[in-house]
C-alpha cells in the first residue's frame, strides 16, 4: 500500500485528495502544526520556524504532496500578510527539501501546488506553461514559490508544479463567496464582468494531483485548470442557472471594489485565461470540462 505525505492536507484540495486516495487504497498522512495521530488521516507535526518535521511521518513515504499556503484572498494585503502568503509556501517547500537532502525522506516524486496567478493580468490572451510570468504581487509570490520547488527539482527528484485556477467547491474557496447573496435573490459580477477566470472542479484538481503523482512521465509545470475558462459575468450567470431560486445579477463597480479591497482587488479583477492543453496531451481527462455541468454537480453533492 503506497504512502502519501501531504502538507496542507486539511485544506480544500488536500481534504478531497485524501478522501480519493483512501478510496484507492493509499495510506495518507498529513503534516500539520498540531500532531493528531487519531485523526482520519494521521497528522504529524511540522514547524517552519524551527525547520523540523516529526520524523515518524517520514518512514516509508512513497510520494510527497505540498498544498500548504495561507489564503490569498482571506485578508487585505498588508506587508505582513504578503510576507505570510509567500513564507507559508516557500518555507514549507524549503523544509521538505531539507529532509530530502538529508536522506531522511526518500519519495518517488514531489508534487507541489502552484497558481495561475503566475501569469498575472493578461486580458484575453491564452496563457500556456511556456509564457513568461506577469507583474504584481500575485505573480511575484508564485515565482518565489516555484523557485523553491525548482530547488527540489535540482536534487534530481521528479517534481511537478500544478498551476491551479479557481477551485469550484461548496466546501470553500471562491464559489461560496460569489454565491453568498444568492439566498436573498441577488448576485454580482465585478467591474465589466469581462475578466477571464480559469476554474477547475474540486474532483478534477484533486485527481490531477494524483495523476501527476502516479505518472512517471510528468515533470515540470502544468496548468491545473479546466479546458474552458469563463468570463466573470458568464460564471455568475451560470451559477444563477445552476442555483434553485430566482437571482437578480448586477454589476459591482470596479472603483468600489478597489476602494474596499485595495491591492487585494487584483484577485477578482485580473483576467487570467489559461490553457489546459499540456496536461490533456499528457493523458489527463477532465470529468468536468464545461462550467455549467460542473456547477450543477457541485450544488447537488455532499462533498
C-alpha atoms as a PDB file:
ATOM      1  CA  UNK A   1       0.000   0.000   0.000  1.00  0.00           C
ATOM      2  CA  UNK A   2       1.746   3.242  -1.140  1.00  0.00           C
ATOM      3  CA  UNK A   3       2.061   6.038   1.409  1.00  0.00           C
ATOM      4  CA  UNK A   4       1.412   9.699   0.576  1.00  0.00           C
ATOM      5  CA  UNK A   5       2.546  12.530   2.837  1.00  0.00           C
ATOM      6  CA  UNK A   6       0.555  15.747   2.324  1.00  0.00           C
ATOM      7  CA  UNK A   7       1.376  19.234   3.546  1.00  0.00           C
ATOM      8  CA  UNK A   8      -1.845  21.245   3.684  1.00  0.00           C
ATOM      9  CA  UNK A   9      -3.898  18.059   3.718  1.00  0.00           C
ATOM     10  CA  UNK A  10      -6.785  19.571   5.690  1.00  0.00           C
ATOM     11  CA  UNK A  11      -7.334  22.337   3.144  1.00  0.00           C
ATOM     12  CA  UNK A  12      -9.929  22.343   0.378  1.00  0.00           C
ATOM     13  CA  UNK A  13      -7.956  20.363  -2.212  1.00  0.00           C
ATOM     14  CA  UNK A  14      -5.990  18.338   0.333  1.00  0.00           C
ATOM     15  CA  UNK A  15      -9.075  17.016   2.068  1.00  0.00           C
ATOM     16  CA  UNK A  16     -10.733  15.890  -1.165  1.00  0.00           C
ATOM     17  CA  UNK A  17      -7.495  14.407  -2.448  1.00  0.00           C
ATOM     18  CA  UNK A  18      -7.053  12.492   0.819  1.00  0.00           C
ATOM     19  CA  UNK A  19     -10.545  11.018   0.520  1.00  0.00           C
ATOM     20  CA  UNK A  20      -9.926   9.890  -3.061  1.00  0.00           C
ATOM     21  CA  UNK A  21      -6.520   8.414  -2.176  1.00  0.00           C
ATOM     22  CA  UNK A  22      -8.041   6.498   0.733  1.00  0.00           C
ATOM     23  CA  UNK A  23     -10.689   5.037  -1.586  1.00  0.00           C
ATOM     24  CA  UNK A  24      -7.904   3.952  -3.952  1.00  0.00           C
ATOM     25  CA  UNK A  25      -6.139   2.097  -1.144  1.00  0.00           C
ATOM     26  CA  UNK A  26      -3.356   4.551  -0.310  1.00  0.00           C
ATOM     27  CA  UNK A  27      -2.138   5.290   3.208  1.00  0.00           C
ATOM     28  CA  UNK A  28      -2.420   9.042   3.731  1.00  0.00           C
ATOM     29  CA  UNK A  29      -0.543  11.129   6.290  1.00  0.00           C
ATOM     30  CA  UNK A  30      -0.854  14.858   6.867  1.00  0.00           C
ATOM     31  CA  UNK A  31       1.680  17.414   8.020  1.00  0.00           C
ATOM     32  CA  UNK A  32       0.142  19.855  10.471  1.00  0.00           C
ATOM     33  CA  UNK A  33       1.034  22.398  13.127  1.00  0.00           C
ATOM     34  CA  UNK A  34      -0.729  20.068  15.584  1.00  0.00           C
ATOM     35  CA  UNK A  35       0.050  16.361  15.968  1.00  0.00           C
ATOM     36  CA  UNK A  36      -3.060  14.158  15.981  1.00  0.00           C
ATOM     37  CA  UNK A  37      -2.477  10.504  15.197  1.00  0.00           C
ATOM     38  CA  UNK A  38      -6.135   9.665  15.959  1.00  0.00           C
ATOM     39  CA  UNK A  39      -7.469  11.730  13.051  1.00  0.00           C
ATOM     40  CA  UNK A  40      -8.907  10.000   9.980  1.00  0.00           C
ATOM     41  CA  UNK A  41      -5.634  10.904   8.302  1.00  0.00           C
ATOM     42  CA  UNK A  42      -2.904  10.882  10.980  1.00  0.00           C
ATOM     43  CA  UNK A  43      -1.420  14.354  11.393  1.00  0.00           C
ATOM     44  CA  UNK A  44       2.267  14.786  12.173  1.00  0.00           C
ATOM     45  CA  UNK A  45       3.848  17.986  13.437  1.00  0.00           C
ATOM     46  CA  UNK A  46       5.918  20.297  11.251  1.00  0.00           C
ATOM     47  CA  UNK A  47       7.266  23.732  12.109  1.00  0.00           C
ATOM     48  CA  UNK A  48       8.814  26.129   9.610  1.00  0.00           C
ATOM     49  CA  UNK A  49      10.180  28.378  12.358  1.00  0.00           C
ATOM     50  CA  UNK A  50      12.180  25.556  13.911  1.00  0.00           C
ATOM     51  CA  UNK A  51      12.519  23.860  10.496  1.00  0.00           C
ATOM     52  CA  UNK A  52      11.551  20.456  11.841  1.00  0.00           C
ATOM     53  CA  UNK A  53       9.233  17.630  10.799  1.00  0.00           C
ATOM     54  CA  UNK A  54       8.157  14.793  13.088  1.00  0.00           C
ATOM     55  CA  UNK A  55      10.403  12.023  11.766  1.00  0.00           C
ATOM     56  CA  UNK A  56       7.688   9.412  12.369  1.00  0.00           C
ATOM     57  CA  UNK A  57       5.908  10.959   9.394  1.00  0.00           C
ATOM     58  CA  UNK A  58       8.800  10.247   7.030  1.00  0.00           C
ATOM     59  CA  UNK A  59       9.048   6.490   7.283  1.00  0.00           C
ATOM     60  CA  UNK A  60       8.410   4.614   4.011  1.00  0.00           C
ATOM     61  CA  UNK A  61       6.855   7.600   2.228  1.00  0.00           C
ATOM     62  CA  UNK A  62       6.309   6.958  -1.474  1.00  0.00           C
ATOM     63  CA  UNK A  63       5.073  10.417  -2.519  1.00  0.00           C
ATOM     64  CA  UNK A  64       5.116  13.910  -1.035  1.00  0.00           C
ATOM     65  CA  UNK A  65       2.468  16.485  -1.977  1.00  0.00           C
ATOM     66  CA  UNK A  66       2.650  20.072  -0.719  1.00  0.00           C
ATOM     67  CA  UNK A  67      -0.551  22.111  -0.847  1.00  0.00           C
ATOM     68  CA  UNK A  68       0.277  24.358   2.123  1.00  0.00           C
ATOM     69  CA  UNK A  69      -0.166  28.095   1.912  1.00  0.00           C
ATOM     70  CA  UNK A  70      -2.016  30.956   3.601  1.00  0.00           C
ATOM     71  CA  UNK A  71      -5.197  32.048   1.819  1.00  0.00           C
ATOM     72  CA  UNK A  72      -4.615  34.623  -0.906  1.00  0.00           C
ATOM     73  CA  UNK A  73      -7.975  36.376  -0.615  1.00  0.00           C
ATOM     74  CA  UNK A  74      -8.808  35.996   3.074  1.00  0.00           C
ATOM     75  CA  UNK A  75      -7.428  39.346   4.292  1.00  0.00           C
ATOM     76  CA  UNK A  76      -6.179  42.682   2.921  1.00  0.00           C
ATOM     77  CA  UNK A  77      -2.630  42.617   1.622  1.00  0.00           C
ATOM     78  CA  UNK A  78      -0.667  44.400   4.298  1.00  0.00           C
ATOM     79  CA  UNK A  79       3.089  43.945   4.112  1.00  0.00           C
ATOM     80  CA  UNK A  80       2.848  41.416   6.947  1.00  0.00           C
ATOM     81  CA  UNK A  81       0.111  39.494   5.112  1.00  0.00           C
ATOM     82  CA  UNK A  82       2.141  39.445   1.895  1.00  0.00           C
ATOM     83  CA  UNK A  83       5.109  38.040   3.778  1.00  0.00           C
ATOM     84  CA  UNK A  84       2.918  35.334   5.322  1.00  0.00           C
ATOM     85  CA  UNK A  85       1.482  34.377   1.919  1.00  0.00           C
ATOM     86  CA  UNK A  86       4.979  33.938   0.474  1.00  0.00           C
ATOM     87  CA  UNK A  87       6.614  32.352   3.540  1.00  0.00           C
ATOM     88  CA  UNK A  88       3.811  29.816   4.037  1.00  0.00           C
ATOM     89  CA  UNK A  89       4.589  28.467   0.578  1.00  0.00           C
ATOM     90  CA  UNK A  90       8.335  28.836   0.226  1.00  0.00           C
ATOM     91  CA  UNK A  91       9.328  27.846   3.757  1.00  0.00           C
ATOM     92  CA  UNK A  92       7.235  24.676   3.793  1.00  0.00           C
ATOM     93  CA  UNK A  93       8.879  23.749   0.485  1.00  0.00           C
ATOM     94  CA  UNK A  94      12.335  24.531   1.888  1.00  0.00           C
ATOM     95  CA  UNK A  95      11.576  22.397   4.932  1.00  0.00           C
ATOM     96  CA  UNK A  96      10.664  19.415   2.775  1.00  0.00           C
ATOM     97  CA  UNK A  97      13.840  19.944   0.721  1.00  0.00           C
ATOM     98  CA  UNK A  98      15.910  19.904   3.916  1.00  0.00           C
ATOM     99  CA  UNK A  99      14.686  16.391   4.718  1.00  0.00           C
ATOM    100  CA  UNK A 100      15.120  15.240   1.128  1.00  0.00           C
ATOM    101  CA  UNK A 101      18.717  16.421   1.084  1.00  0.00           C
ATOM    102  CA  UNK A 102      19.457  14.761   4.424  1.00  0.00           C
ATOM    103  CA  UNK A 103      18.180  11.435   3.106  1.00  0.00           C
ATOM    104  CA  UNK A 104      15.514  11.163   5.836  1.00  0.00           C
ATOM    105  CA  UNK A 105      12.798  11.459   3.183  1.00  0.00           C
ATOM    106  CA  UNK A 106      13.090   9.316   0.048  1.00  0.00           C
ATOM    107  CA  UNK A 107       9.928   9.582  -2.070  1.00  0.00           C
ATOM    108  CA  UNK A 108       9.493   8.675  -5.718  1.00  0.00           C
ATOM    109  CA  UNK A 109       8.133  12.119  -6.586  1.00  0.00           C
ATOM    110  CA  UNK A 110       7.256  15.534  -5.187  1.00  0.00           C
ATOM    111  CA  UNK A 111       4.047  17.248  -6.323  1.00  0.00           C
ATOM    112  CA  UNK A 112       3.546  20.916  -5.481  1.00  0.00           C
ATOM    113  CA  UNK A 113       0.592  23.193  -5.823  1.00  0.00           C
ATOM    114  CA  UNK A 114       1.185  26.431  -7.670  1.00  0.00           C
ATOM    115  CA  UNK A 115      -1.240  29.017  -9.076  1.00  0.00           C
ATOM    116  CA  UNK A 116      -2.331  30.664 -12.316  1.00  0.00           C
ATOM    117  CA  UNK A 117      -1.545  33.926 -10.553  1.00  0.00           C
ATOM    118  CA  UNK A 118       1.893  33.262 -12.051  1.00  0.00           C
ATOM    119  CA  UNK A 119       0.654  34.803 -15.308  1.00  0.00           C
ATOM    120  CA  UNK A 120      -0.821  37.959 -13.811  1.00  0.00           C
ATOM    121  CA  UNK A 121      -3.412  40.153 -15.527  1.00  0.00           C
ATOM    122  CA  UNK A 122      -3.244  39.157 -19.205  1.00  0.00           C
ATOM    123  CA  UNK A 123      -6.592  40.193 -20.674  1.00  0.00           C
ATOM    124  CA  UNK A 124      -7.889  37.852 -23.389  1.00  0.00           C
ATOM    125  CA  UNK A 125      -4.518  36.209 -24.137  1.00  0.00           C
ATOM    126  CA  UNK A 126      -4.485  32.428 -23.690  1.00  0.00           C
ATOM    127  CA  UNK A 127      -1.606  31.513 -21.378  1.00  0.00           C
ATOM    128  CA  UNK A 128       0.477  28.342 -21.701  1.00  0.00           C
ATOM    129  CA  UNK A 129       3.187  26.970 -19.436  1.00  0.00           C
ATOM    130  CA  UNK A 130       5.825  28.477 -21.738  1.00  0.00           C
ATOM    131  CA  UNK A 131       4.596  32.050 -21.249  1.00  0.00           C
ATOM    132  CA  UNK A 132       6.523  34.464 -19.059  1.00  0.00           C
ATOM    133  CA  UNK A 133       5.158  35.455 -15.645  1.00  0.00           C
ATOM    134  CA  UNK A 134       3.204  38.640 -15.171  1.00  0.00           C
ATOM    135  CA  UNK A 135       3.729  41.638 -12.910  1.00  0.00           C
ATOM    136  CA  UNK A 136       2.390  42.452  -9.472  1.00  0.00           C
ATOM    137  CA  UNK A 137       2.274  40.692  -6.139  1.00  0.00           C
ATOM    138  CA  UNK A 138       0.356  37.596  -7.259  1.00  0.00           C
ATOM    139  CA  UNK A 139       2.934  36.841  -9.933  1.00  0.00           C
ATOM    140  CA  UNK A 140       5.831  37.663  -7.626  1.00  0.00           C
ATOM    141  CA  UNK A 141       4.555  35.326  -4.925  1.00  0.00           C
ATOM    142  CA  UNK A 142       4.130  32.412  -7.347  1.00  0.00           C
ATOM    143  CA  UNK A 143       7.558  32.980  -8.905  1.00  0.00           C
ATOM    144  CA  UNK A 144       9.178  32.730  -5.466  1.00  0.00           C
ATOM    145  CA  UNK A 145       7.048  29.663  -4.683  1.00  0.00           C
ATOM    146  CA  UNK A 146       8.070  27.902  -7.882  1.00  0.00           C
ATOM    147  CA  UNK A 147      11.715  28.882  -7.383  1.00  0.00           C
ATOM    148  CA  UNK A 148      11.619  26.990  -4.076  1.00  0.00           C
ATOM    149  CA  UNK A 149      10.067  23.975  -5.829  1.00  0.00           C
ATOM    150  CA  UNK A 150      12.728  24.078  -8.557  1.00  0.00           C
ATOM    151  CA  UNK A 151      15.379  23.699  -5.852  1.00  0.00           C
ATOM    152  CA  UNK A 152      13.795  20.349  -5.037  1.00  0.00           C
ATOM    153  CA  UNK A 153      13.775  19.519  -8.733  1.00  0.00           C
ATOM    154  CA  UNK A 154      17.510  20.282  -8.764  1.00  0.00           C
ATOM    155  CA  UNK A 155      18.075  17.413  -6.319  1.00  0.00           C
ATOM    156  CA  UNK A 156      17.087  15.021  -9.120  1.00  0.00           C
ATOM    157  CA  UNK A 157      13.702  14.071  -7.687  1.00  0.00           C
ATOM    158  CA  UNK A 158      10.828  14.018 -10.190  1.00  0.00           C
ATOM    159  CA  UNK A 159       8.872  17.164  -9.433  1.00  0.00           C
ATOM    160  CA  UNK A 160       5.577  18.520 -10.762  1.00  0.00           C
ATOM    161  CA  UNK A 161       4.171  22.046 -10.298  1.00  0.00           C
ATOM    162  CA  UNK A 162       0.405  22.370 -10.832  1.00  0.00           C
ATOM    163  CA  UNK A 163      -0.685  25.951 -11.540  1.00  0.00           C
ATOM    164  CA  UNK A 164      -4.192  25.791 -10.142  1.00  0.00           C
ATOM    165  CA  UNK A 165      -7.054  28.099 -11.050  1.00  0.00           C
ATOM    166  CA  UNK A 166     -10.243  28.892  -9.115  1.00  0.00           C
ATOM    167  CA  UNK A 167     -11.327  25.656  -7.444  1.00  0.00           C
ATOM    168  CA  UNK A 168     -15.083  25.116  -7.593  1.00  0.00           C
ATOM    169  CA  UNK A 169     -16.475  23.576  -4.413  1.00  0.00           C
ATOM    170  CA  UNK A 170     -19.241  24.431  -1.980  1.00  0.00           C
ATOM    171  CA  UNK A 171     -16.904  23.480   0.885  1.00  0.00           C
ATOM    172  CA  UNK A 172     -14.768  26.605   0.437  1.00  0.00           C
ATOM    173  CA  UNK A 173     -12.880  28.792  -1.997  1.00  0.00           C
ATOM    174  CA  UNK A 174     -14.417  31.370  -4.338  1.00  0.00           C
ATOM    175  CA  UNK A 175     -17.740  29.722  -5.161  1.00  0.00           C
ATOM    176  CA  UNK A 176     -19.463  30.158  -1.749  1.00  0.00           C
ATOM    177  CA  UNK A 177     -18.275  33.776  -1.693  1.00  0.00           C
ATOM    178  CA  UNK A 178     -19.654  34.512  -5.165  1.00  0.00           C
ATOM    179  CA  UNK A 179     -22.976  32.936  -4.183  1.00  0.00           C
ATOM    180  CA  UNK A 180     -23.191  34.388  -0.676  1.00  0.00           C
ATOM    181  CA  UNK A 181     -26.079  36.717  -1.518  1.00  0.00           C
ATOM    182  CA  UNK A 182     -27.995  34.255  -3.746  1.00  0.00           C
ATOM    183  CA  UNK A 183     -30.337  33.217  -0.884  1.00  0.00           C
ATOM    184  CA  UNK A 184     -31.665  36.790  -0.746  1.00  0.00           C
ATOM    185  CA  UNK A 185     -32.106  36.837  -4.529  1.00  0.00           C
ATOM    186  CA  UNK A 186     -29.103  38.963  -5.505  1.00  0.00           C
ATOM    187  CA  UNK A 187     -25.818  38.186  -7.241  1.00  0.00           C
ATOM    188  CA  UNK A 188     -22.967  40.339  -8.510  1.00  0.00           C
ATOM    189  CA  UNK A 189     -20.165  40.297 -11.028  1.00  0.00           C
ATOM    190  CA  UNK A 190     -17.139  42.554 -10.709  1.00  0.00           C
ATOM    191  CA  UNK A 191     -16.353  45.515 -12.931  1.00  0.00           C
ATOM    192  CA  UNK A 192     -17.445  44.958 -16.534  1.00  0.00           C
ATOM    193  CA  UNK A 193     -17.504  41.196 -15.972  1.00  0.00           C
ATOM    194  CA  UNK A 194     -15.146  40.516 -18.880  1.00  0.00           C
ATOM    195  CA  UNK A 195     -12.161  39.312 -16.841  1.00  0.00           C
ATOM    196  CA  UNK A 196     -11.403  35.657 -17.510  1.00  0.00           C
ATOM    197  CA  UNK A 197     -11.496  33.228 -14.594  1.00  0.00           C
ATOM    198  CA  UNK A 198      -9.676  29.934 -15.117  1.00  0.00           C
ATOM    199  CA  UNK A 199     -11.596  27.450 -12.990  1.00  0.00           C
ATOM    200  CA  UNK A 200     -11.461  23.738 -12.131  1.00  0.00           C
ATOM    201  CA  UNK A 201     -13.875  21.338 -10.409  1.00  0.00           C
ATOM    202  CA  UNK A 202     -12.674  20.145  -6.984  1.00  0.00           C
ATOM    203  CA  UNK A 203     -12.639  16.494  -8.094  1.00  0.00           C
ATOM    204  CA  UNK A 204     -10.657  17.263 -11.229  1.00  0.00           C
ATOM    205  CA  UNK A 205      -7.920  19.167  -9.393  1.00  0.00           C
ATOM    206  CA  UNK A 206      -7.705  16.514  -6.662  1.00  0.00           C
ATOM    207  CA  UNK A 207      -7.444  13.785  -9.299  1.00  0.00           C
ATOM    208  CA  UNK A 208      -4.960  15.842 -11.279  1.00  0.00           C
ATOM    209  CA  UNK A 209      -2.572  15.885  -8.309  1.00  0.00           C
ATOM    210  CA  UNK A 210      -2.944  12.109  -8.049  1.00  0.00           C
ATOM    211  CA  UNK A 211      -2.406  11.728 -11.807  1.00  0.00           C
ATOM    212  CA  UNK A 212       0.793  13.770 -11.581  1.00  0.00           C
ATOM    213  CA  UNK A 213       1.903  11.617  -8.664  1.00  0.00           C
ATOM    214  CA  UNK A 214       1.237   8.291 -10.379  1.00  0.00           C
ATOM    215  CA  UNK A 215       2.550   9.090 -13.881  1.00  0.00           C
ATOM    216  CA  UNK A 216       6.314   8.994 -14.133  1.00  0.00           C
ATOM    217  CA  UNK A 217       6.359  10.856 -17.458  1.00  0.00           C
ATOM    218  CA  UNK A 218       5.077  14.071 -15.842  1.00  0.00           C
ATOM    219  CA  UNK A 219       7.564  16.652 -14.619  1.00  0.00           C
ATOM    220  CA  UNK A 220       7.785  20.441 -14.521  1.00  0.00           C
ATOM    221  CA  UNK A 221       4.884  22.890 -14.751  1.00  0.00           C
ATOM    222  CA  UNK A 222       1.313  22.105 -15.813  1.00  0.00           C
ATOM    223  CA  UNK A 223      -1.777  24.282 -15.694  1.00  0.00           C
ATOM    224  CA  UNK A 224      -4.392  22.827 -13.346  1.00  0.00           C
ATOM    225  CA  UNK A 225      -7.459  24.361 -14.984  1.00  0.00           C
ATOM    226  CA  UNK A 226     -10.481  23.083 -16.906  1.00  0.00           C
ATOM    227  CA  UNK A 227     -10.402  23.423 -20.717  1.00  0.00           C
ATOM    228  CA  UNK A 228     -12.952  26.263 -20.883  1.00  0.00           C
ATOM    229  CA  UNK A 229     -12.150  29.411 -18.868  1.00  0.00           C
ATOM    230  CA  UNK A 230     -15.144  31.687 -18.342  1.00  0.00           C
ATOM    231  CA  UNK A 231     -15.527  35.427 -18.172  1.00  0.00           C
ATOM    232  CA  UNK A 232     -16.572  36.640 -14.741  1.00  0.00           C
ATOM    233  CA  UNK A 233     -20.109  37.717 -15.694  1.00  0.00           C
ATOM    234  CA  UNK A 234     -20.649  34.414 -17.530  1.00  0.00           C
ATOM    235  CA  UNK A 235     -19.545  32.482 -14.446  1.00  0.00           C
ATOM    236  CA  UNK A 236     -22.021  34.273 -12.177  1.00  0.00           C
ATOM    237  CA  UNK A 237     -24.824  33.869 -14.721  1.00  0.00           C
ATOM    238  CA  UNK A 238     -24.149  30.137 -14.946  1.00  0.00           C
ATOM    239  CA  UNK A 239     -24.115  29.927 -11.153  1.00  0.00           C
ATOM    240  CA  UNK A 240     -27.536  31.558 -11.283  1.00  0.00           C
ATOM    241  CA  UNK A 241     -28.723  28.952 -13.808  1.00  0.00           C
ATOM    242  CA  UNK A 242     -27.438  26.088 -11.657  1.00  0.00           C
ATOM    243  CA  UNK A 243     -28.981  27.579  -8.499  1.00  0.00           C
ATOM    244  CA  UNK A 244     -32.505  26.625  -7.449  1.00  0.00           C
ATOM    245  CA  UNK A 245     -34.107  30.006  -6.978  1.00  0.00           C
ATOM    246  CA  UNK A 246     -34.516  33.443  -8.593  1.00  0.00           C
ATOM    247  CA  UNK A 247     -31.423  35.675  -8.555  1.00  0.00           C
ATOM    248  CA  UNK A 248     -31.026  39.204  -9.911  1.00  0.00           C
ATOM    249  CA  UNK A 249     -27.452  39.638 -11.163  1.00  0.00           C
ATOM    250  CA  UNK A 250     -25.969  43.143 -11.099  1.00  0.00           C
ATOM    251  CA  UNK A 251     -22.503  44.670 -11.600  1.00  0.00           C
ATOM    252  CA  UNK A 252     -20.309  45.681  -8.668  1.00  0.00           C
ATOM    253  CA  UNK A 253     -18.394  48.786  -9.860  1.00  0.00           C
ATOM    254  CA  UNK A 254     -14.642  48.403 -10.238  1.00  0.00           C
ATOM    255  CA  UNK A 255     -13.875  51.621  -8.363  1.00  0.00           C
ATOM    256  CA  UNK A 256     -15.836  50.405  -5.355  1.00  0.00           C
ATOM    257  CA  UNK A 257     -14.004  47.084  -5.294  1.00  0.00           C
ATOM    258  CA  UNK A 258     -10.630  48.829  -5.461  1.00  0.00           C
ATOM    259  CA  UNK A 259     -11.676  51.219  -2.704  1.00  0.00           C
ATOM    260  CA  UNK A 260     -12.917  48.411  -0.461  1.00  0.00           C
ATOM    261  CA  UNK A 261     -10.131  45.892  -1.006  1.00  0.00           C
ATOM    262  CA  UNK A 262      -7.097  47.884  -2.137  1.00  0.00           C
ATOM    263  CA  UNK A 263      -4.401  45.795  -3.797  1.00  0.00           C
ATOM    264  CA  UNK A 264      -6.329  42.633  -2.905  1.00  0.00           C
ATOM    265  CA  UNK A 265      -8.834  43.627  -5.623  1.00  0.00           C
ATOM    266  CA  UNK A 266      -6.438  42.079  -8.173  1.00  0.00           C
ATOM    267  CA  UNK A 267      -7.708  38.652  -7.077  1.00  0.00           C
ATOM    268  CA  UNK A 268     -11.157  39.382  -8.552  1.00  0.00           C
ATOM    269  CA  UNK A 269     -10.462  41.993 -11.236  1.00  0.00           C
ATOM    270  CA  UNK A 270      -7.454  40.483 -13.022  1.00  0.00           C
ATOM    271  CA  UNK A 271      -8.086  38.472 -16.177  1.00  0.00           C
ATOM    272  CA  UNK A 272      -6.127  35.228 -16.499  1.00  0.00           C
ATOM    273  CA  UNK A 273      -7.186  32.955 -19.359  1.00  0.00           C
ATOM    274  CA  UNK A 274      -5.185  29.743 -19.114  1.00  0.00           C
ATOM    275  CA  UNK A 275      -4.790  26.730 -21.407  1.00  0.00           C
ATOM    276  CA  UNK A 276      -5.157  23.119 -20.242  1.00  0.00           C
ATOM    277  CA  UNK A 277      -3.740  21.613 -23.466  1.00  0.00           C
ATOM    278  CA  UNK A 278      -0.430  20.457 -21.992  1.00  0.00           C
ATOM    279  CA  UNK A 279      -1.944  18.300 -19.252  1.00  0.00           C
ATOM    280  CA  UNK A 280      -4.578  16.967 -21.663  1.00  0.00           C
ATOM    281  CA  UNK A 281      -1.844  15.953 -24.104  1.00  0.00           C
ATOM    282  CA  UNK A 282      -0.176  14.178 -21.167  1.00  0.00           C
ATOM    283  CA  UNK A 283      -3.266  11.982 -20.933  1.00  0.00           C
ATOM    284  CA  UNK A 284      -5.385  13.566 -18.211  1.00  0.00           C
ATOM    285  CA  UNK A 285      -9.127  13.600 -18.924  1.00  0.00           C
ATOM    286  CA  UNK A 286     -11.277  16.187 -17.188  1.00  0.00           C
ATOM    287  CA  UNK A 287     -14.528  14.831 -15.806  1.00  0.00           C
ATOM    288  CA  UNK A 288     -15.955  18.373 -15.832  1.00  0.00           C
ATOM    289  CA  UNK A 289     -14.604  20.334 -18.830  1.00  0.00           C
ATOM    290  CA  UNK A 290     -17.690  22.590 -19.060  1.00  0.00           C
ATOM    291  CA  UNK A 291     -18.716  25.119 -16.418  1.00  0.00           C
ATOM    292  CA  UNK A 292     -22.470  24.596 -16.107  1.00  0.00           C
ATOM    293  CA  UNK A 293     -22.339  20.807 -15.580  1.00  0.00           C
ATOM    294  CA  UNK A 294     -19.537  21.358 -13.057  1.00  0.00           C
ATOM    295  CA  UNK A 295     -21.644  23.855 -11.110  1.00  0.00           C
ATOM    296  CA  UNK A 296     -24.737  21.657 -11.189  1.00  0.00           C
ATOM    297  CA  UNK A 297     -22.741  18.696  -9.900  1.00  0.00           C
ATOM    298  CA  UNK A 298     -21.270  20.694  -7.029  1.00  0.00           C
ATOM    299  CA  UNK A 299     -24.609  22.130  -5.956  1.00  0.00           C
ATOM    300  CA  UNK A 300     -26.221  18.692  -5.714  1.00  0.00           C
ATOM    301  CA  UNK A 301     -23.416  16.806  -3.937  1.00  0.00           C
ATOM    302  CA  UNK A 302     -22.469  16.458  -0.303  1.00  0.00           C
ATOM    303  CA  UNK A 303     -18.656  16.574  -0.712  1.00  0.00           C
END
